Amino acid sequence: MRLIEGTLADIDRDRAVTTSLTRLATDVDESVLRVWTPPKQLAFGRRDTTAEGYDRARRIAARHDYAPIVRRVGGSAVAYTGNTVSFAYAVPTDDGRDGIDRRYRDVTETMLGAFREVGAHVAQGEPTDSFCPGDYSVKGDGKIAGIAQRVRRDCALVGGCVIVRSADRDAIAAVLDPVYSALGVPFEPESVGSIATAGGPEDVDSVIGALESAFGADRTTTVSAAELAG
């Protein structure tokens, strides 16, 4: 497995690194993992862009100092505070879309193991009216993490976001509440959870390390995000 380390301050360059992981995994014929803290942004899903209140939702995000972007995978809007952990796992595949459910299950189990390792009390599932709802979310005292998947013929990319700090839980609820209202999507601010409020640490680095270990990352094959970006 190749491990990609670090965050790039420029949102577009940082996103380009993640986009390149499928190509890298195919080129080297092995899995590639990146676990990092993306720059502060609010990532809308493609379906959000068709909502009548989308432009207003973007303005709300900007007023809260979140750069509004549109991501390629996933459902509704997700906020990254600058301390929110994200992961991207690219793996070569010959089963294409046939392996989607298996990869979702495997990555969910990996997340659960990592979060329990750092002391968080977690389970698969999510509260009612949570952000970006999906079948393979992880909850504690609220939704902590969600995942999405993009598949092409020879490679799959499974990614997700993880709320670690209690302060980020509050910040994310505060921005998503008016954003989801503008989009006309049900959302309950109290549905947002975090690793810390589920019994785990406030320390982001310990969660990153736990995820890297749970995925089986080998630090002898580490590449910096800046190096990959060129």
C-alpha atoms as a PDB file:
ATOM      1  CA  MET A   1       0.000   0.000   0.000  1.00  0.00           C
ATOM      2  CA  ARG A   2       1.164   3.534  -0.818  1.00  0.00           C
ATOM      3  CA  LEU A   3       0.494   6.116   1.889  1.00  0.00           C
ATOM      4  CA  ILE A   4       0.024   9.757   0.883  1.00  0.00           C
ATOM      5  CA  GLU A   5       0.738  12.242   3.671  1.00  0.00           C
ATOM      6  CA  GLY A   6      -0.013  15.925   4.178  1.00  0.00           C
ATOM      7  CA  THR A   7      -2.479  18.643   3.242  1.00  0.00           C
ATOM      8  CA  LEU A   8      -2.113  21.364   0.616  1.00  0.00           C
ATOM      9  CA  ALA A   9      -3.430  24.797   1.580  1.00  0.00           C
ATOM     10  CA  ASP A  10      -4.826  25.448  -1.899  1.00  0.00           C
ATOM     11  CA  ILE A  11      -8.189  23.676  -2.148  1.00  0.00           C
ATOM     12  CA  ASP A  12      -7.959  22.933  -5.871  1.00  0.00           C
ATOM     13  CA  ARG A  13      -4.441  21.470  -5.604  1.00  0.00           C
ATOM     14  CA  ASP A  14      -5.431  19.467  -2.551  1.00  0.00           C
ATOM     15  CA  ARG A  15      -8.450  18.031  -4.350  1.00  0.00           C
ATOM     16  CA  ALA A  16      -6.298  17.233  -7.391  1.00  0.00           C
ATOM     17  CA  VAL A  17      -4.081  15.036  -5.219  1.00  0.00           C
ATOM     18  CA  THR A  18      -7.068  12.950  -4.157  1.00  0.00           C
ATOM     19  CA  THR A  19      -8.352  12.749  -7.731  1.00  0.00           C
ATOM     20  CA  SER A  20      -4.957  11.372  -8.811  1.00  0.00           C
ATOM     21  CA  LEU A  21      -5.080   8.446  -6.382  1.00  0.00           C
ATOM     22  CA  THR A  22      -7.014   6.152  -8.735  1.00  0.00           C
ATOM     23  CA  ARG A  23      -4.478   6.727 -11.493  1.00  0.00           C
ATOM     24  CA  LEU A  24      -1.608   6.069  -9.070  1.00  0.00           C
ATOM     25  CA  ALA A  25      -3.210   2.892  -7.731  1.00  0.00           C
ATOM     26  CA  THR A  26      -3.666   1.605 -11.277  1.00  0.00           C
ATOM     27  CA  ASP A  27      -0.118   2.540 -12.302  1.00  0.00           C
ATOM     28  CA  VAL A  28       1.555   0.828  -9.341  1.00  0.00           C
ATOM     29  CA  ASP A  29      -1.053  -1.976  -9.143  1.00  0.00           C
ATOM     30  CA  GLU A  30      -1.547  -1.632  -5.399  1.00  0.00           C
ATOM     31  CA  SER A  31      -3.831   0.221  -3.038  1.00  0.00           C
ATOM     32  CA  VAL A  32      -3.217   3.860  -2.135  1.00  0.00           C
ATOM     33  CA  LEU A  33      -4.383   5.551   1.054  1.00  0.00           C
ATOM     34  CA  ARG A  34      -4.602   9.213   2.027  1.00  0.00           C
ATOM     35  CA  VAL A  35      -5.803  10.322   5.482  1.00  0.00           C
ATOM     36  CA  TRP A  36      -5.597  14.073   6.036  1.00  0.00           C
ATOM     37  CA  THR A  37      -7.341  17.279   7.098  1.00  0.00           C
ATOM     38  CA  PRO A  38      -8.624  19.127   4.003  1.00  0.00           C
ATOM     39  CA  PRO A  39      -8.647  22.948   3.953  1.00  0.00           C
ATOM     40  CA  LYS A  40     -11.775  24.616   5.309  1.00  0.00           C
ATOM     41  CA  GLN A  41     -14.576  24.187   2.775  1.00  0.00           C
ATOM     42  CA  LEU A  42     -18.191  23.166   2.300  1.00  0.00           C
ATOM     43  CA  ALA A  43     -18.535  20.426  -0.291  1.00  0.00           C
ATOM     44  CA  PHE A  44     -21.913  20.284  -2.021  1.00  0.00           C
ATOM     45  CA  GLY A  45     -23.098  17.127  -3.729  1.00  0.00           C
ATOM     46  CA  ARG A  46     -24.168  17.192  -7.362  1.00  0.00           C
ATOM     47  CA  ARG A  47     -27.833  16.880  -6.423  1.00  0.00           C
ATOM     48  CA  ASP A  48     -27.486  20.028  -4.277  1.00  0.00           C
ATOM     49  CA  THR A  49     -26.647  22.055  -7.374  1.00  0.00           C
ATOM     50  CA  THR A  50     -30.138  21.445  -8.787  1.00  0.00           C
ATOM     51  CA  ALA A  51     -31.931  22.762  -5.688  1.00  0.00           C
ATOM     52  CA  GLU A  52     -33.754  26.070  -5.998  1.00  0.00           C
ATOM     53  CA  GLY A  53     -31.878  27.442  -2.994  1.00  0.00           C
ATOM     54  CA  TYR A  54     -28.411  26.315  -4.098  1.00  0.00           C
ATOM     55  CA  ASP A  55     -27.055  29.807  -4.815  1.00  0.00           C
ATOM     56  CA  ARG A  56     -28.306  31.007  -1.440  1.00  0.00           C
ATOM     57  CA  ALA A  57     -26.726  27.990   0.238  1.00  0.00           C
ATOM     58  CA  ARG A  58     -23.379  28.856  -1.359  1.00  0.00           C
ATOM     59  CA  ARG A  59     -23.631  32.425  -0.066  1.00  0.00           C
ATOM     60  CA  ILE A  60     -24.422  31.133   3.416  1.00  0.00           C
ATOM     61  CA  ALA A  61     -21.347  28.885   3.341  1.00  0.00           C
ATOM     62  CA  ALA A  62     -19.155  31.784   2.241  1.00  0.00           C
ATOM     63  CA  ARG A  63     -20.528  34.020   5.003  1.00  0.00           C
ATOM     64  CA  HIS A  64     -19.500  31.344   7.505  1.00  0.00           C
ATOM     65  CA  ASP A  65     -16.003  31.392   5.962  1.00  0.00           C
ATOM     66  CA  TYR A  66     -16.365  28.011   4.228  1.00  0.00           C
ATOM     67  CA  ALA A  67     -15.230  27.926   0.610  1.00  0.00           C
ATOM     68  CA  PRO A  68     -18.139  26.398  -1.387  1.00  0.00           C
ATOM     69  CA  ILE A  69     -17.123  23.620  -3.788  1.00  0.00           C
ATOM     70  CA  VAL A  70     -18.887  20.770  -5.622  1.00  0.00           C
ATOM     71  CA  ARG A  71     -17.595  17.237  -5.123  1.00  0.00           C
ATOM     72  CA  ARG A  72     -17.891  14.360  -7.568  1.00  0.00           C
ATOM     73  CA  VAL A  73     -19.319  11.710  -5.246  1.00  0.00           C
ATOM     74  CA  GLY A  74     -21.764  11.524  -2.371  1.00  0.00           C
ATOM     75  CA  GLY A  75     -25.128  13.066  -1.625  1.00  0.00           C
ATOM     76  CA  SER A  76     -25.770  16.306   0.260  1.00  0.00           C
ATOM     77  CA  ALA A  77     -23.441  18.972   1.636  1.00  0.00           C
ATOM     78  CA  VAL A  78     -20.564  18.163   3.996  1.00  0.00           C
ATOM     79  CA  ALA A  79     -18.535  20.761   5.924  1.00  0.00           C
ATOM     80  CA  TYR A  80     -14.799  20.533   6.618  1.00  0.00           C
ATOM     81  CA  THR A  81     -13.510  22.857   9.338  1.00  0.00           C
ATOM     82  CA  GLY A  82      -9.810  22.477   8.594  1.00  0.00           C
ATOM     83  CA  ASN A  83      -9.583  19.944  11.438  1.00  0.00           C
ATOM     84  CA  THR A  84     -12.113  17.493  10.008  1.00  0.00           C
ATOM     85  CA  VAL A  85     -10.394  14.267   8.972  1.00  0.00           C
ATOM     86  CA  SER A  86     -10.919  12.889   5.487  1.00  0.00           C
ATOM     87  CA  PHE A  87      -9.719   9.632   3.987  1.00  0.00           C
ATOM     88  CA  ALA A  88      -9.460   8.337   0.432  1.00  0.00           C
ATOM     89  CA  TYR A  89      -8.713   4.693  -0.327  1.00  0.00           C
ATOM     90  CA  ALA A  90      -8.001   3.763  -3.925  1.00  0.00           C
ATOM     91  CA  VAL A  91      -7.802   0.095  -4.804  1.00  0.00           C
ATOM     92  CA  PRO A  92      -7.319  -1.642  -8.164  1.00  0.00           C
ATOM     93  CA  THR A  93     -10.273  -3.869  -8.972  1.00  0.00           C
ATOM     94  CA  ASP A  94     -11.428  -6.276 -11.629  1.00  0.00           C
ATOM     95  CA  ASP A  95     -15.002  -6.569 -10.350  1.00  0.00           C
ATOM     96  CA  GLY A  96     -16.063  -2.980 -11.049  1.00  0.00           C
ATOM     97  CA  ARG A  97     -19.510  -2.187  -9.722  1.00  0.00           C
ATOM     98  CA  ASP A  98     -20.047  -5.787  -8.601  1.00  0.00           C
ATOM     99  CA  GLY A  99     -17.794  -5.137  -5.614  1.00  0.00           C
ATOM    100  CA  ILE A 100     -19.430  -1.886  -4.433  1.00  0.00           C
ATOM    101  CA  ASP A 101     -21.318  -3.334  -1.468  1.00  0.00           C
ATOM    102  CA  ARG A 102     -18.348  -5.419  -0.337  1.00  0.00           C
ATOM    103  CA  ARG A 103     -16.042  -2.406  -0.373  1.00  0.00           C
ATOM    104  CA  TYR A 104     -18.584  -0.341   1.547  1.00  0.00           C
ATOM    105  CA  ARG A 105     -18.864  -3.075   4.185  1.00  0.00           C
ATOM    106  CA  ASP A 106     -15.106  -3.530   4.443  1.00  0.00           C
ATOM    107  CA  VAL A 107     -14.363   0.180   4.805  1.00  0.00           C
ATOM    108  CA  THR A 108     -17.155   0.624   7.349  1.00  0.00           C
ATOM    109  CA  GLU A 109     -15.696  -2.181   9.455  1.00  0.00           C
ATOM    110  CA  THR A 110     -12.263  -0.583   9.122  1.00  0.00           C
ATOM    111  CA  MET A 111     -13.605   2.744  10.396  1.00  0.00           C
ATOM    112  CA  LEU A 112     -15.405   1.097  13.298  1.00  0.00           C
ATOM    113  CA  GLY A 113     -12.227  -0.716  14.316  1.00  0.00           C
ATOM    114  CA  ALA A 114     -10.132   2.451  14.132  1.00  0.00           C
ATOM    115  CA  PHE A 115     -12.565   4.540  16.172  1.00  0.00           C
ATOM    116  CA  ARG A 116     -12.960   1.845  18.818  1.00  0.00           C
ATOM    117  CA  GLU A 117      -9.183   1.569  19.026  1.00  0.00           C
ATOM    118  CA  VAL A 118      -9.002   5.192  20.196  1.00  0.00           C
ATOM    119  CA  GLY A 119     -11.811   4.680  22.702  1.00  0.00           C
ATOM    120  CA  ALA A 120     -14.909   5.928  20.862  1.00  0.00           C
ATOM    121  CA  HIS A 121     -18.202   4.090  21.353  1.00  0.00           C
ATOM    122  CA  VAL A 122     -19.475   3.709  17.808  1.00  0.00           C
ATOM    123  CA  ALA A 123     -21.792   1.623  15.649  1.00  0.00           C
ATOM    124  CA  GLN A 124     -22.916   1.513  12.038  1.00  0.00           C
ATOM    125  CA  GLY A 125     -25.917   3.729  11.324  1.00  0.00           C
ATOM    126  CA  GLU A 126     -26.964   7.316  11.737  1.00  0.00           C
ATOM    127  CA  PRO A 127     -29.562   9.485  13.454  1.00  0.00           C
ATOM    128  CA  THR A 128     -32.655  10.785  11.699  1.00  0.00           C
ATOM    129  CA  ASP A 129     -32.136  13.903   9.541  1.00  0.00           C
ATOM    130  CA  SER A 130     -28.335  13.754   9.678  1.00  0.00           C
ATOM    131  CA  PHE A 131     -26.014  15.381   7.153  1.00  0.00           C
ATOM    132  CA  CYS A 132     -25.368  13.522   3.890  1.00  0.00           C
ATOM    133  CA  PRO A 133     -27.322  10.395   4.897  1.00  0.00           C
ATOM    134  CA  GLY A 134     -26.207   6.994   3.646  1.00  0.00           C
ATOM    135  CA  ASP A 135     -26.407   3.297   4.464  1.00  0.00           C
ATOM    136  CA  TYR A 136     -22.797   3.013   5.619  1.00  0.00           C
ATOM    137  CA  SER A 137     -22.456   5.837   8.125  1.00  0.00           C
ATOM    138  CA  VAL A 138     -20.896   5.584  11.586  1.00  0.00           C
ATOM    139  CA  LYS A 139     -22.546   7.067  14.663  1.00  0.00           C
ATOM    140  CA  GLY A 140     -21.725   7.622  18.310  1.00  0.00           C
ATOM    141  CA  ASP A 141     -23.713  10.286  20.106  1.00  0.00           C
ATOM    142  CA  GLY A 142     -24.549  11.534  16.605  1.00  0.00           C
ATOM    143  CA  LYS A 143     -23.256  10.971  13.091  1.00  0.00           C
ATOM    144  CA  ILE A 144     -19.464  10.862  13.161  1.00  0.00           C
ATOM    145  CA  ALA A 145     -18.521   9.653   9.701  1.00  0.00           C
ATOM    146  CA  GLY A 146     -19.939   8.913   6.272  1.00  0.00           C
ATOM    147  CA  ILE A 147     -18.477   7.362   3.148  1.00  0.00           C
ATOM    148  CA  ALA A 148     -18.984   7.470  -0.607  1.00  0.00           C
ATOM    149  CA  GLN A 149     -17.549   5.498  -3.494  1.00  0.00           C
ATOM    150  CA  ARG A 150     -16.606   6.174  -7.087  1.00  0.00           C
ATOM    151  CA  VAL A 151     -15.886   3.231  -9.399  1.00  0.00           C
ATOM    152  CA  ARG A 152     -14.271   3.049 -12.788  1.00  0.00           C
ATOM    153  CA  ARG A 153     -13.406  -0.024 -14.843  1.00  0.00           C
ATOM    154  CA  ASP A 154     -10.097  -0.855 -13.165  1.00  0.00           C
ATOM    155  CA  CYS A 155     -10.096   1.032  -9.868  1.00  0.00           C
ATOM    156  CA  ALA A 156     -12.401   2.077  -7.028  1.00  0.00           C
ATOM    157  CA  LEU A 157     -12.039   5.085  -4.740  1.00  0.00           C
ATOM    158  CA  VAL A 158     -13.753   4.940  -1.352  1.00  0.00           C
ATOM    159  CA  GLY A 159     -13.658   8.155   0.648  1.00  0.00           C
ATOM    160  CA  GLY A 160     -15.170   9.642   3.744  1.00  0.00           C
ATOM    161  CA  CYS A 161     -15.116  12.367   6.368  1.00  0.00           C
ATOM    162  CA  VAL A 162     -14.708  12.020  10.123  1.00  0.00           C
ATOM    163  CA  ILE A 163     -15.665  14.605  12.756  1.00  0.00           C
ATOM    164  CA  VAL A 164     -13.111  14.350  15.550  1.00  0.00           C
ATOM    165  CA  ARG A 165     -13.285  17.371  17.853  1.00  0.00           C
ATOM    166  CA  SER A 166     -16.278  18.476  19.918  1.00  0.00           C
ATOM    167  CA  ALA A 167     -15.737  22.062  18.724  1.00  0.00           C
ATOM    168  CA  ASP A 168     -15.969  20.876  15.116  1.00  0.00           C
ATOM    169  CA  ARG A 169     -19.222  19.111  15.891  1.00  0.00           C
ATOM    170  CA  ASP A 170     -20.709  22.443  16.973  1.00  0.00           C
ATOM    171  CA  ALA A 171     -19.179  24.397  14.075  1.00  0.00           C
ATOM    172  CA  ILE A 172     -20.424  21.914  11.467  1.00  0.00           C
ATOM    173  CA  ALA A 173     -23.946  21.892  12.904  1.00  0.00           C
ATOM    174  CA  ALA A 174     -23.970  25.704  12.902  1.00  0.00           C
ATOM    175  CA  VAL A 175     -23.137  26.039   9.202  1.00  0.00           C
ATOM    176  CA  LEU A 176     -25.094  23.046   7.889  1.00  0.00           C
ATOM    177  CA  ASP A 177     -28.319  24.083   9.597  1.00  0.00           C
ATOM    178  CA  PRO A 178     -28.911  27.183   7.417  1.00  0.00           C
ATOM    179  CA  VAL A 179     -27.309  25.550   4.361  1.00  0.00           C
ATOM    180  CA  TYR A 180     -29.649  22.546   4.468  1.00  0.00           C
ATOM    181  CA  SER A 181     -32.577  24.857   5.112  1.00  0.00           C
ATOM    182  CA  ALA A 182     -31.714  26.785   1.939  1.00  0.00           C
ATOM    183  CA  LEU A 183     -31.452  23.522   0.002  1.00  0.00           C
ATOM    184  CA  GLY A 184     -34.794  22.318   1.332  1.00  0.00           C
ATOM    185  CA  VAL A 185     -33.236  19.197   2.884  1.00  0.00           C
ATOM    186  CA  PRO A 186     -34.254  17.996   6.383  1.00  0.00           C
ATOM    187  CA  PHE A 187     -31.473  18.408   8.937  1.00  0.00           C
ATOM    188  CA  GLU A 188     -31.299  18.168  12.719  1.00  0.00           C
ATOM    189  CA  PRO A 189     -28.270  19.988  14.210  1.00  0.00           C
ATOM    190  CA  GLU A 190     -28.297  17.661  17.228  1.00  0.00           C
ATOM    191  CA  SER A 191     -27.684  14.731  14.868  1.00  0.00           C
ATOM    192  CA  VAL A 192     -24.033  15.767  14.437  1.00  0.00           C
ATOM    193  CA  GLY A 193     -21.584  13.817  16.594  1.00  0.00           C
ATOM    194  CA  SER A 194     -17.815  13.549  16.998  1.00  0.00           C
ATOM    195  CA  ILE A 195     -15.141  11.097  18.050  1.00  0.00           C
ATOM    196  CA  ALA A 196     -14.488  13.170  21.178  1.00  0.00           C
ATOM    197  CA  THR A 197     -18.103  13.293  22.358  1.00  0.00           C
ATOM    198  CA  ALA A 198     -18.375   9.531  21.729  1.00  0.00           C
ATOM    199  CA  GLY A 199     -15.596   8.889  24.253  1.00  0.00           C
ATOM    200  CA  GLY A 200     -12.541   9.203  22.013  1.00  0.00           C
ATOM    201  CA  PRO A 201      -9.788  11.833  21.889  1.00  0.00           C
ATOM    202  CA  GLU A 202      -9.907  15.444  20.756  1.00  0.00           C
ATOM    203  CA  ASP A 203      -6.547  14.854  19.065  1.00  0.00           C
ATOM    204  CA  VAL A 204      -6.851  14.714  15.283  1.00  0.00           C
ATOM    205  CA  ASP A 205      -3.441  13.092  14.732  1.00  0.00           C
ATOM    206  CA  SER A 206      -4.322  10.082  16.876  1.00  0.00           C
ATOM    207  CA  VAL A 207      -7.436   9.451  14.766  1.00  0.00           C
ATOM    208  CA  ILE A 208      -5.431   9.800  11.555  1.00  0.00           C
ATOM    209  CA  GLY A 209      -2.896   7.306  12.905  1.00  0.00           C
ATOM    210  CA  ALA A 210      -5.626   4.872  13.936  1.00  0.00           C
ATOM    211  CA  LEU A 211      -7.198   4.981  10.476  1.00  0.00           C
ATOM    212  CA  GLU A 212      -3.858   4.490   8.747  1.00  0.00           C
ATOM    213  CA  SER A 213      -3.137   1.465  10.956  1.00  0.00           C
ATOM    214  CA  ALA A 214      -6.619   0.017  10.473  1.00  0.00           C
ATOM    215  CA  PHE A 215      -6.250   0.200   6.691  1.00  0.00           C
ATOM    216  CA  GLY A 216      -2.851  -1.497   6.994  1.00  0.00           C
ATOM    217  CA  ALA A 217      -0.743   1.401   5.744  1.00  0.00           C
ATOM    218  CA  ASP A 218       2.987   0.748   5.406  1.00  0.00           C
ATOM    219  CA  ARG A 219       5.083   3.806   6.237  1.00  0.00           C
ATOM    220  CA  THR A 220       8.001   2.487   4.190  1.00  0.00           C
ATOM    221  CA  THR A 221       6.079   3.506   1.045  1.00  0.00           C
ATOM    222  CA  THR A 222       5.081   7.047   1.964  1.00  0.00           C
ATOM    223  CA  VAL A 223       4.713   9.900  -0.546  1.00  0.00           C
ATOM    224  CA  SER A 224       3.972  13.520   0.374  1.00  0.00           C
ATOM    225  CA  ALA A 225       0.914  15.210  -1.096  1.00  0.00           C
ATOM    226  CA  ALA A 226       3.131  18.061  -2.278  1.00  0.00           C
ATOM    227  CA  GLU A 227       5.350  15.608  -4.165  1.00  0.00           C
ATOM    228  CA  LEU A 228       2.355  13.979  -5.804  1.00  0.00           C
ATOM    229  CA  ALA A 229       0.926  17.358  -6.772  1.00  0.00           C
ATOM    230  CA  GLY A 230       4.176  18.257  -8.528  1.00  0.00           C
END
